[in-house]
Protein backbone atom coordinates (compact mmCIF):
# COMPACT_ATOMS: atom_id res chain seq x y z
CA UNK A 1 7.64 58.51 -41.66
CA UNK A 2 6.97 54.90 -42.55
CA UNK A 3 7.94 55.65 -46.16
CA UNK A 4 11.05 57.48 -45.04
CA UNK A 5 11.92 54.59 -42.75
CA UNK A 6 11.39 52.09 -45.57
CA UNK A 7 13.39 54.30 -47.95
CA UNK A 8 16.09 54.72 -45.37
CA UNK A 9 16.12 50.99 -44.77
CA UNK A 10 16.29 50.27 -48.49
CA UNK A 11 19.06 52.76 -48.96
CA UNK A 12 20.86 51.25 -46.02
CA UNK A 13 20.53 47.77 -47.51
CA UNK A 14 21.70 49.10 -50.89
CA UNK A 15 24.67 50.82 -49.28
CA UNK A 16 25.48 47.65 -47.39
CA UNK A 17 25.19 45.61 -50.58
CA UNK A 18 27.39 48.07 -52.43
CA UNK A 19 29.86 48.02 -49.58
CA UNK A 20 29.92 44.23 -49.63
CA UNK A 21 30.30 44.30 -53.37
CA UNK A 22 33.09 46.77 -52.99
CA UNK A 23 34.81 44.54 -50.50
CA UNK A 24 34.42 41.59 -52.83
CA UNK A 25 35.77 43.57 -55.75
CA UNK A 26 38.67 44.78 -53.65
CA UNK A 27 39.41 41.25 -52.54
CA UNK A 28 39.35 39.93 -56.08
CA UNK A 29 41.43 42.90 -57.15
CA UNK A 30 44.23 41.71 -54.84
CA UNK A 31 46.12 40.15 -57.71
CA UNK A 32 49.84 39.51 -57.80
CA UNK A 33 51.88 38.69 -60.86
CA UNK A 34 54.94 36.48 -60.74
CA UNK A 35 57.50 36.19 -63.55
CA UNK A 36 59.32 32.86 -63.32
CA UNK A 37 62.31 31.49 -65.22
CA UNK A 38 61.62 28.45 -67.39
CA UNK A 39 63.98 25.80 -65.99
CA UNK A 40 62.18 22.82 -67.47
CA UNK A 41 58.76 21.76 -68.69
CA UNK A 42 57.90 21.17 -65.02
CA UNK A 43 58.48 24.80 -63.97
CA UNK A 44 55.21 26.43 -65.06
CA UNK A 45 53.03 23.53 -63.80
CA UNK A 46 54.76 23.73 -60.43
CA UNK A 47 54.18 27.45 -59.98
CA UNK A 48 50.61 27.18 -61.26
CA UNK A 49 50.01 24.49 -58.64
CA UNK A 50 51.52 26.67 -55.90
CA UNK A 51 49.36 29.59 -57.06
CA UNK A 52 46.18 27.50 -56.84
CA UNK A 53 47.08 26.22 -53.38
CA UNK A 54 47.82 29.75 -52.20
CA UNK A 55 44.58 31.08 -53.67
CA UNK A 56 42.62 28.30 -51.93
CA UNK A 57 44.18 29.25 -48.61
CA UNK A 58 43.65 32.97 -49.27
CA UNK A 59 40.17 33.47 -50.78
CA UNK A 60 39.87 36.52 -52.99
CA UNK A 61 43.54 36.48 -53.95
CA UNK A 62 44.71 35.80 -57.50
CA UNK A 63 48.23 34.76 -58.45
CA UNK A 64 49.16 35.05 -62.12
CA UNK A 65 52.24 33.14 -63.29
CA UNK A 66 54.28 34.15 -66.33
CA UNK A 67 56.87 31.59 -67.50
CA UNK A 68 59.81 33.08 -69.48
CA UNK A 69 62.75 31.31 -71.12
CA UNK A 70 65.98 31.99 -69.28
CA UNK A 71 67.85 33.28 -72.32
CA UNK A 72 65.29 36.08 -72.81
CA UNK A 73 64.41 36.69 -69.15
CA UNK A 74 66.76 39.58 -68.46
CA UNK A 75 65.71 41.49 -71.57
CA UNK A 76 62.04 40.78 -70.81
CA UNK A 77 62.41 42.17 -67.29
CA UNK A 78 64.25 45.26 -68.51
CA UNK A 79 61.55 45.94 -71.09
CA UNK A 80 58.76 45.48 -68.53
CA UNK A 81 60.52 47.66 -65.96
CA UNK A 82 61.11 50.51 -68.41
CA UNK A 83 57.44 50.39 -69.37
CA UNK A 84 56.21 50.17 -65.78
CA UNK A 85 54.66 46.81 -66.63
CA UNK A 86 56.77 44.56 -64.43
CA UNK A 87 55.29 41.89 -62.19
CA UNK A 88 55.18 42.07 -58.38
CA UNK A 89 57.68 39.24 -58.00
CA UNK A 90 60.27 37.83 -60.39
CA UNK A 91 62.94 35.20 -60.52
CA UNK A 92 66.25 36.81 -61.47
CA UNK A 93 69.88 35.88 -61.75
CA UNK A 94 71.20 36.89 -58.34
CA UNK A 95 74.04 38.75 -60.05
CA UNK A 96 71.44 41.10 -61.60
CA UNK A 97 70.30 42.32 -58.20
CA UNK A 98 73.03 44.92 -57.79
CA UNK A 99 71.86 46.83 -60.86
CA UNK A 100 68.24 46.58 -59.72
CA UNK A 101 69.24 47.95 -56.32
CA UNK A 102 71.22 50.80 -57.88
CA UNK A 103 68.22 51.64 -60.06
CA UNK A 104 66.07 51.67 -56.89
CA UNK A 105 63.53 49.16 -58.23
CA UNK A 106 64.19 46.29 -55.79
CA UNK A 107 62.24 46.12 -52.54
CA UNK A 108 64.38 45.32 -49.45
CA UNK A 109 62.93 42.25 -47.77
CA UNK A 110 64.41 42.56 -44.28
CA UNK A 111 61.36 44.40 -42.94
CA UNK A 112 59.18 41.42 -43.84
CA UNK A 113 61.47 38.78 -42.32
CA UNK A 114 61.82 37.77 -38.71
CA UNK A 115 64.68 35.76 -37.20
CA UNK A 116 62.82 32.49 -37.66
CA UNK A 117 62.31 33.13 -41.36
CA UNK A 118 65.98 33.97 -41.92
CA UNK A 119 66.95 30.84 -39.99
CA UNK A 120 65.21 28.68 -42.62
CA UNK A 121 68.07 29.21 -45.06
CA UNK A 122 71.45 27.60 -45.55
CA UNK A 123 73.63 30.66 -44.98
CA UNK A 124 75.92 30.60 -48.04
CA UNK A 125 72.90 30.56 -50.38
CA UNK A 126 71.23 33.62 -48.83
CA UNK A 127 74.41 35.70 -48.73
CA UNK A 128 74.75 36.46 -52.48
CA UNK A 129 71.45 38.39 -52.50
CA UNK A 130 72.49 40.61 -49.59
CA UNK A 131 73.80 44.00 -50.68
CA UNK A 132 75.03 46.73 -48.34
CA UNK A 133 73.57 44.88 -45.38
CA UNK A 134 70.10 44.44 -46.88
CA UNK A 135 68.44 41.37 -48.38
CA UNK A 136 66.93 41.88 -51.82
CA UNK A 137 66.17 38.33 -52.89
CA UNK A 138 65.55 34.80 -51.66
CA UNK A 139 67.44 31.82 -53.15
CA UNK A 140 64.79 30.08 -55.22
CA UNK A 141 67.30 27.86 -57.03
CA UNK A 142 70.88 26.83 -56.34
CA UNK A 143 73.44 24.64 -57.99
CA UNK A 144 77.13 23.85 -58.14
CA UNK A 145 79.21 22.33 -60.92
CA UNK A 146 80.87 18.93 -61.08
CA UNK A 147 82.53 16.74 -63.70
CA UNK A 148 80.22 14.08 -65.08
CA UNK A 149 82.02 11.12 -66.60
CA UNK A 150 80.86 8.05 -68.48
CA UNK A 151 81.93 5.20 -66.21
CA UNK A 152 82.19 2.57 -68.92
CA UNK A 153 84.21 4.78 -71.27
CA UNK A 154 86.56 6.05 -68.57
CA UNK A 155 87.07 2.56 -67.15
CA UNK A 156 88.04 1.36 -70.63
CA UNK A 157 91.02 3.75 -70.63
CA UNK A 158 92.16 3.17 -67.06
CA UNK A 159 90.08 5.68 -65.08
CA UNK A 160 87.31 3.63 -63.40
CA UNK A 161 86.86 6.31 -60.73
CA UNK A 162 87.05 9.24 -63.12
CA UNK A 163 89.84 11.77 -63.74
CA UNK A 164 91.11 13.84 -60.83
CA UNK A 165 93.36 16.36 -62.61
CA UNK A 166 93.44 18.17 -65.94
CA UNK A 167 96.40 15.95 -66.86
CA UNK A 168 94.12 12.96 -66.25
CA UNK A 169 91.50 14.52 -68.53
CA UNK A 170 94.09 14.97 -71.29
CA UNK A 171 95.48 11.45 -70.89
CA UNK A 172 92.04 9.81 -70.84
CA UNK A 173 90.89 11.90 -73.81
CA UNK A 174 93.88 10.87 -75.90
CA UNK A 175 93.12 7.20 -75.23
CA UNK A 176 89.43 7.73 -75.97
CA UNK A 177 90.29 9.48 -79.23
CA UNK A 178 92.00 6.28 -80.34
CA UNK A 179 88.65 4.56 -79.75
CA UNK A 180 86.81 7.16 -81.82
CA UNK A 181 85.21 8.95 -78.86
CA UNK A 182 85.51 12.65 -77.96
CA UNK A 183 86.88 12.87 -74.45
CA UNK A 184 85.94 16.30 -73.10
CA UNK A 185 82.74 18.13 -73.99
CA UNK A 186 83.51 21.85 -74.29
CA UNK A 187 80.82 24.52 -74.45
CA UNK A 188 81.40 27.37 -76.90
CA UNK A 189 78.20 29.38 -77.32
CA UNK A 190 75.30 30.98 -75.48
CA UNK A 191 74.73 31.40 -71.75
CA UNK A 192 77.58 30.35 -69.42
CA UNK A 193 80.20 30.02 -72.16
CA UNK A 194 82.31 32.29 -69.97
CA UNK A 195 81.67 30.09 -66.94
CA UNK A 196 82.97 27.04 -68.77
CA UNK A 197 86.28 28.90 -69.08
CA UNK A 198 86.23 29.84 -65.38
CA UNK A 199 86.32 26.15 -64.45
CA UNK A 200 89.84 25.88 -65.85
CA UNK A 201 90.74 29.40 -64.67
CA UNK A 202 89.79 28.82 -61.03
CA UNK A 203 91.30 25.35 -60.79
CA UNK A 204 94.59 26.73 -62.11
CA UNK A 205 94.72 29.39 -59.39
CA UNK A 206 93.28 32.33 -61.31
CA UNK A 207 90.33 34.63 -60.71
CA UNK A 208 87.92 36.60 -62.85
CA UNK A 209 88.12 39.93 -61.01
CA UNK A 210 90.92 40.96 -58.67
CA UNK A 211 90.82 42.72 -55.33
CA UNK A 212 91.36 45.99 -57.20
CA UNK A 213 88.02 45.34 -58.96
CA UNK A 214 89.80 45.06 -62.30
CA UNK A 215 89.67 42.11 -64.69
CA UNK A 216 92.16 39.46 -63.57
CA UNK A 217 91.44 36.63 -65.99
CA UNK A 218 94.28 37.69 -68.33
CA UNK A 219 96.80 36.59 -65.70
CA UNK A 220 99.34 33.79 -66.30
CA UNK A 221 96.82 31.39 -64.74
CA UNK A 222 94.13 32.66 -67.13
CA UNK A 223 96.36 32.24 -70.16
CA UNK A 224 97.28 28.74 -68.98
CA UNK A 225 93.57 27.86 -68.67
CA UNK A 226 92.72 29.21 -72.14
CA UNK A 227 95.72 27.42 -73.63
CA UNK A 228 94.57 24.17 -71.98
CA UNK A 229 91.19 24.36 -73.73
CA UNK A 230 92.74 25.40 -77.05
CA UNK A 231 95.15 22.45 -76.86
CA UNK A 232 92.26 20.08 -76.20
CA UNK A 233 90.55 21.42 -79.33
CA UNK A 234 93.67 21.33 -81.51
CA UNK A 235 94.49 17.78 -80.45
CA UNK A 236 90.98 16.58 -81.31
CA UNK A 237 90.13 15.74 -77.72
CA UNK A 238 86.81 17.64 -77.69
CA UNK A 239 83.80 17.44 -79.95
CA UNK A 240 84.48 19.26 -83.26
CA UNK A 241 83.23 22.81 -83.75
CA UNK A 242 82.90 23.75 -80.06
CA UNK A 243 81.55 27.25 -80.81
CA UNK A 244 78.45 25.59 -82.21
CA UNK A 245 77.56 23.94 -78.90
CA UNK A 246 75.53 25.46 -76.05
CA UNK A 247 75.39 23.99 -72.55
CA UNK A 248 72.35 21.91 -73.51
CA UNK A 249 74.02 20.73 -76.72
CA UNK A 250 77.10 19.46 -74.85
CA UNK A 251 74.89 17.77 -72.26
CA UNK A 252 73.01 16.04 -75.08
CA UNK A 253 76.30 14.70 -76.47
CA UNK A 254 77.03 13.23 -73.07
CA UNK A 255 73.57 11.66 -72.85
CA UNK A 256 74.18 10.06 -76.25
CA UNK A 257 77.59 8.68 -75.21
CA UNK A 258 79.32 10.87 -77.80
CA UNK A 259 81.52 12.67 -75.26
CA UNK A 260 82.91 10.98 -72.17
CA UNK A 261 83.20 13.95 -69.81
CA UNK A 262 81.25 17.16 -69.34
CA UNK A 263 81.02 19.77 -66.60
CA UNK A 264 77.48 20.55 -65.49
CA UNK A 265 75.04 21.09 -62.66
CA UNK A 266 72.92 18.75 -60.49
CA UNK A 267 69.98 18.96 -62.87
CA UNK A 268 71.87 16.93 -65.48
CA UNK A 269 71.68 13.90 -63.18
CA UNK A 270 67.91 14.26 -63.10
CA UNK A 271 67.83 14.42 -66.90
CA UNK A 272 70.12 11.40 -67.28
CA UNK A 273 67.89 9.22 -65.15
CA UNK A 274 64.95 10.11 -67.34
CA UNK A 275 66.49 10.40 -70.81
CA UNK A 276 69.48 8.02 -70.65
CA UNK A 277 68.60 5.50 -67.92
CA UNK A 278 71.16 2.94 -69.17
CA UNK A 279 74.10 5.34 -69.08
CA UNK A 280 76.35 4.66 -66.09
CA UNK A 281 77.87 7.93 -64.89
CA UNK A 282 79.92 9.26 -62.02
CA UNK A 283 80.24 12.78 -60.58
CA UNK A 284 83.66 14.10 -59.58
CA UNK A 285 84.92 17.50 -58.43
CA UNK A 286 86.23 19.70 -61.23
CA UNK A 287 89.64 18.53 -62.45
CA UNK A 288 92.45 20.03 -60.41
CA UNK A 289 95.25 22.10 -61.91
CA UNK A 290 96.84 23.69 -58.85
CA UNK A 291 93.79 23.67 -56.59
CA UNK A 292 90.17 22.58 -56.28
CA UNK A 293 87.19 24.83 -57.04
CA UNK A 294 83.62 24.78 -58.20
CA UNK A 295 81.11 27.34 -59.41
CA UNK A 296 78.07 27.84 -57.21
CA UNK A 297 75.17 29.88 -58.42
CA UNK A 298 71.84 31.01 -57.04
CA UNK A 299 68.83 32.48 -58.72
CA UNK A 300 66.75 34.71 -56.49
CA UNK A 301 63.12 35.67 -56.36
CA UNK A 302 62.73 39.38 -55.69
CA UNK A 303 59.94 41.86 -55.04
CA UNK A 304 59.71 45.06 -57.06
CA UNK A 305 59.44 48.33 -55.20
CA UNK A 306 56.50 49.46 -57.32
CA UNK A 307 54.33 46.48 -56.36
CA UNK A 308 50.88 47.57 -55.21
CA UNK A 309 50.27 44.31 -53.33
CA UNK A 310 53.43 43.90 -51.27
CA UNK A 311 51.79 42.21 -48.29
CA UNK A 312 50.21 39.55 -50.48
CA UNK A 313 53.38 39.20 -52.55
CA UNK A 314 55.38 38.61 -49.37
CA UNK A 315 52.80 36.14 -48.11
CA UNK A 316 53.23 34.15 -51.33
CA UNK A 317 57.02 34.25 -50.92
CA UNK A 318 56.66 33.01 -47.36
CA UNK A 319 54.53 30.12 -48.62
CA UNK A 320 56.99 29.18 -51.38
CA UNK A 321 59.76 28.84 -48.80
CA UNK A 322 57.93 26.45 -46.50
CA UNK A 323 59.15 22.86 -46.58
CA UNK A 324 56.69 21.05 -48.87
CA UNK A 325 56.79 23.59 -51.74
CA UNK A 326 60.58 23.76 -51.53
CA UNK A 327 61.07 20.00 -51.55
CA UNK A 328 58.76 19.62 -54.54
CA UNK A 329 60.41 22.38 -56.56
CA UNK A 330 64.03 21.52 -55.79
CA UNK A 331 63.68 17.77 -56.22
CA UNK A 332 61.66 18.10 -59.45
CA UNK A 333 64.06 20.56 -61.08
CA UNK A 334 67.22 18.87 -59.81
CA UNK A 335 68.65 21.79 -57.83
CA UNK A 336 70.39 21.86 -54.46
CA UNK A 337 68.41 22.59 -51.28
CA UNK A 338 68.59 26.20 -50.09
CA UNK A 339 66.70 25.71 -46.81
CA UNK A 340 67.59 23.51 -43.87
CA UNK A 341 64.19 21.81 -43.80
CA UNK A 342 64.39 20.63 -47.39
CA UNK A 343 68.03 19.58 -46.99
CA UNK A 344 66.94 17.21 -44.21
CA UNK A 345 64.27 15.62 -46.38
CA UNK A 346 64.86 12.05 -47.66
CA UNK A 347 64.34 13.35 -51.21
CA UNK A 348 67.90 14.67 -51.10
CA UNK A 349 69.50 11.68 -49.44
CA UNK A 350 70.92 10.39 -52.72
CA UNK A 351 74.54 10.04 -53.91
CA UNK A 352 74.23 12.63 -56.70
CA UNK A 353 72.98 15.42 -54.44
CA UNK A 354 75.53 14.51 -51.77
CA UNK A 355 78.30 14.66 -54.37
CA UNK A 356 77.42 18.26 -55.21
CA UNK A 357 76.87 19.34 -51.60
CA UNK A 358 80.36 18.03 -50.84
CA UNK A 359 81.77 20.53 -53.36
CA UNK A 360 80.31 23.62 -51.68
CA UNK A 361 83.26 24.38 -49.34
CA UNK A 362 85.31 25.18 -52.46
CA UNK A 363 82.55 27.13 -54.18
CA UNK A 364 83.03 30.40 -56.03
CA UNK A 365 80.07 32.70 -56.69
CA UNK A 366 79.82 35.26 -59.45
CA UNK A 367 80.95 38.56 -57.89
CA UNK A 368 78.27 41.11 -57.11
CA UNK A 369 79.62 43.97 -59.20
CA UNK A 370 78.16 46.41 -61.67
CA UNK A 371 79.07 45.41 -65.19
CA UNK A 372 79.23 41.67 -64.52
CA UNK A 373 77.04 40.74 -67.48
CA UNK A 374 79.17 42.78 -69.89
CA UNK A 375 82.29 41.26 -68.37
CA UNK A 376 80.85 37.82 -69.06
CA UNK A 377 80.16 38.82 -72.67
CA UNK A 378 83.73 40.07 -73.09
CA UNK A 379 85.13 36.78 -71.76
CA UNK A 380 82.80 34.79 -74.01
CA UNK A 381 83.88 36.74 -77.10
CA UNK A 382 87.54 36.37 -76.19
CA UNK A 383 87.32 32.63 -75.64
CA UNK A 384 85.35 32.11 -78.85
CA UNK A 385 88.18 33.89 -80.70
CA UNK A 386 90.63 31.48 -79.04
CA UNK A 387 88.55 28.42 -79.89
CA UNK A 388 88.25 29.49 -83.52
CA UNK A 389 91.97 30.22 -83.79
CA UNK A 390 91.34 33.90 -84.53
CA UNK A 391 93.51 35.11 -81.65
CA UNK A 392 96.18 33.74 -79.35
CA UNK A 393 95.07 33.20 -75.73
CA UNK A 394 97.11 36.11 -74.30
CA UNK A 395 95.95 38.56 -76.98
CA UNK A 396 92.30 37.51 -76.74
CA UNK A 397 92.25 37.72 -72.95
CA UNK A 398 94.01 41.09 -72.87
CA UNK A 399 91.42 42.51 -75.26
CA UNK A 400 88.61 40.96 -73.22
CA UNK A 401 90.09 42.43 -70.04
CA UNK A 402 90.23 45.90 -71.59
CA UNK A 403 86.57 45.60 -72.62
CA UNK A 404 85.61 44.24 -69.21
CA UNK A 405 87.34 47.06 -67.35
CA UNK A 406 85.23 49.59 -69.23
CA UNK A 407 82.12 47.80 -67.98
CA UNK A 408 83.56 47.55 -64.48
CA UNK A 409 84.24 51.29 -64.41
CA UNK A 410 88.01 50.80 -64.30
């Protein structure tokens, strides 16, 4: 009996030890993976820091961060999804969410959120990730677009407070050309080449997609906008060879004082302070044709439906959208606040951020429609043909519209 008791006791202790070991293994096995977009060299260190803080507050949890360049992010996600190797959470272009929802791979987040959580957000920035009444993403990054101008160069040609209209841009650029300076920096390749065209399209009263869900950028307003850019090129008022310049390339020209005006996002101001501290710049609304407008964009962080650690993944999301993590991320990267708590922080009480926030009432977001990415590619190809003189604006835009309508299902 004594032996049996000892054996029973030993077995009990072994079982308990195994159970404890099992619990420990299970705890350590609670790993979540997060794919993040590479916004700057500060992005990965930020998320690694957040992961370590979260792990310290949640013993036994592991957060693995994967940093991916923006230009390859969509393809990377598609490859991972098709192979069943996607992360639990990922930063995505908000405009991609519709396709993820249609493919039934995006987890609706409403069941995880209470009223207090939803109330953290500035409404217009949460809305783009809501589809058919459900929320599929949280606005991790937000920006708008303004016209940056070199104060010294613009003052030298009679525009000390920057240009207000496209006619001002043309006039100032002509005077700057006489001084040997390119007036207007025009993007012609890579991501957001289409968006650079929309700036002129929207401010001349046009739209990308009409109420009938068909391409509308080949309207008279669209042709006027394309002709405006082509005229700037032909008259030597932009940098030469615009189709060789990405967004970053044009921004670099501005930093170097080689172009006097460029349209970009809040993060350029952050870069200027660091990389070109002696350059005096101003930020204006986009030049007006017939009306004012700006482009506002959000990137969202989403949860995949096939995540095996949804509770932990949500807990990490909840943590990322508390005040301190948000303030650190947004201020470091140079984005706009997406939550009310961060917007009230002194970190955003600066003229540059205020200048962009003031533009939001006129903001346009990319429409949430299937085929948006292919529409963007069609516009980019069409405008590159215009810039290179391979097609007249009307012909190029009509062809782009026909291609876009196929993608839009029209």
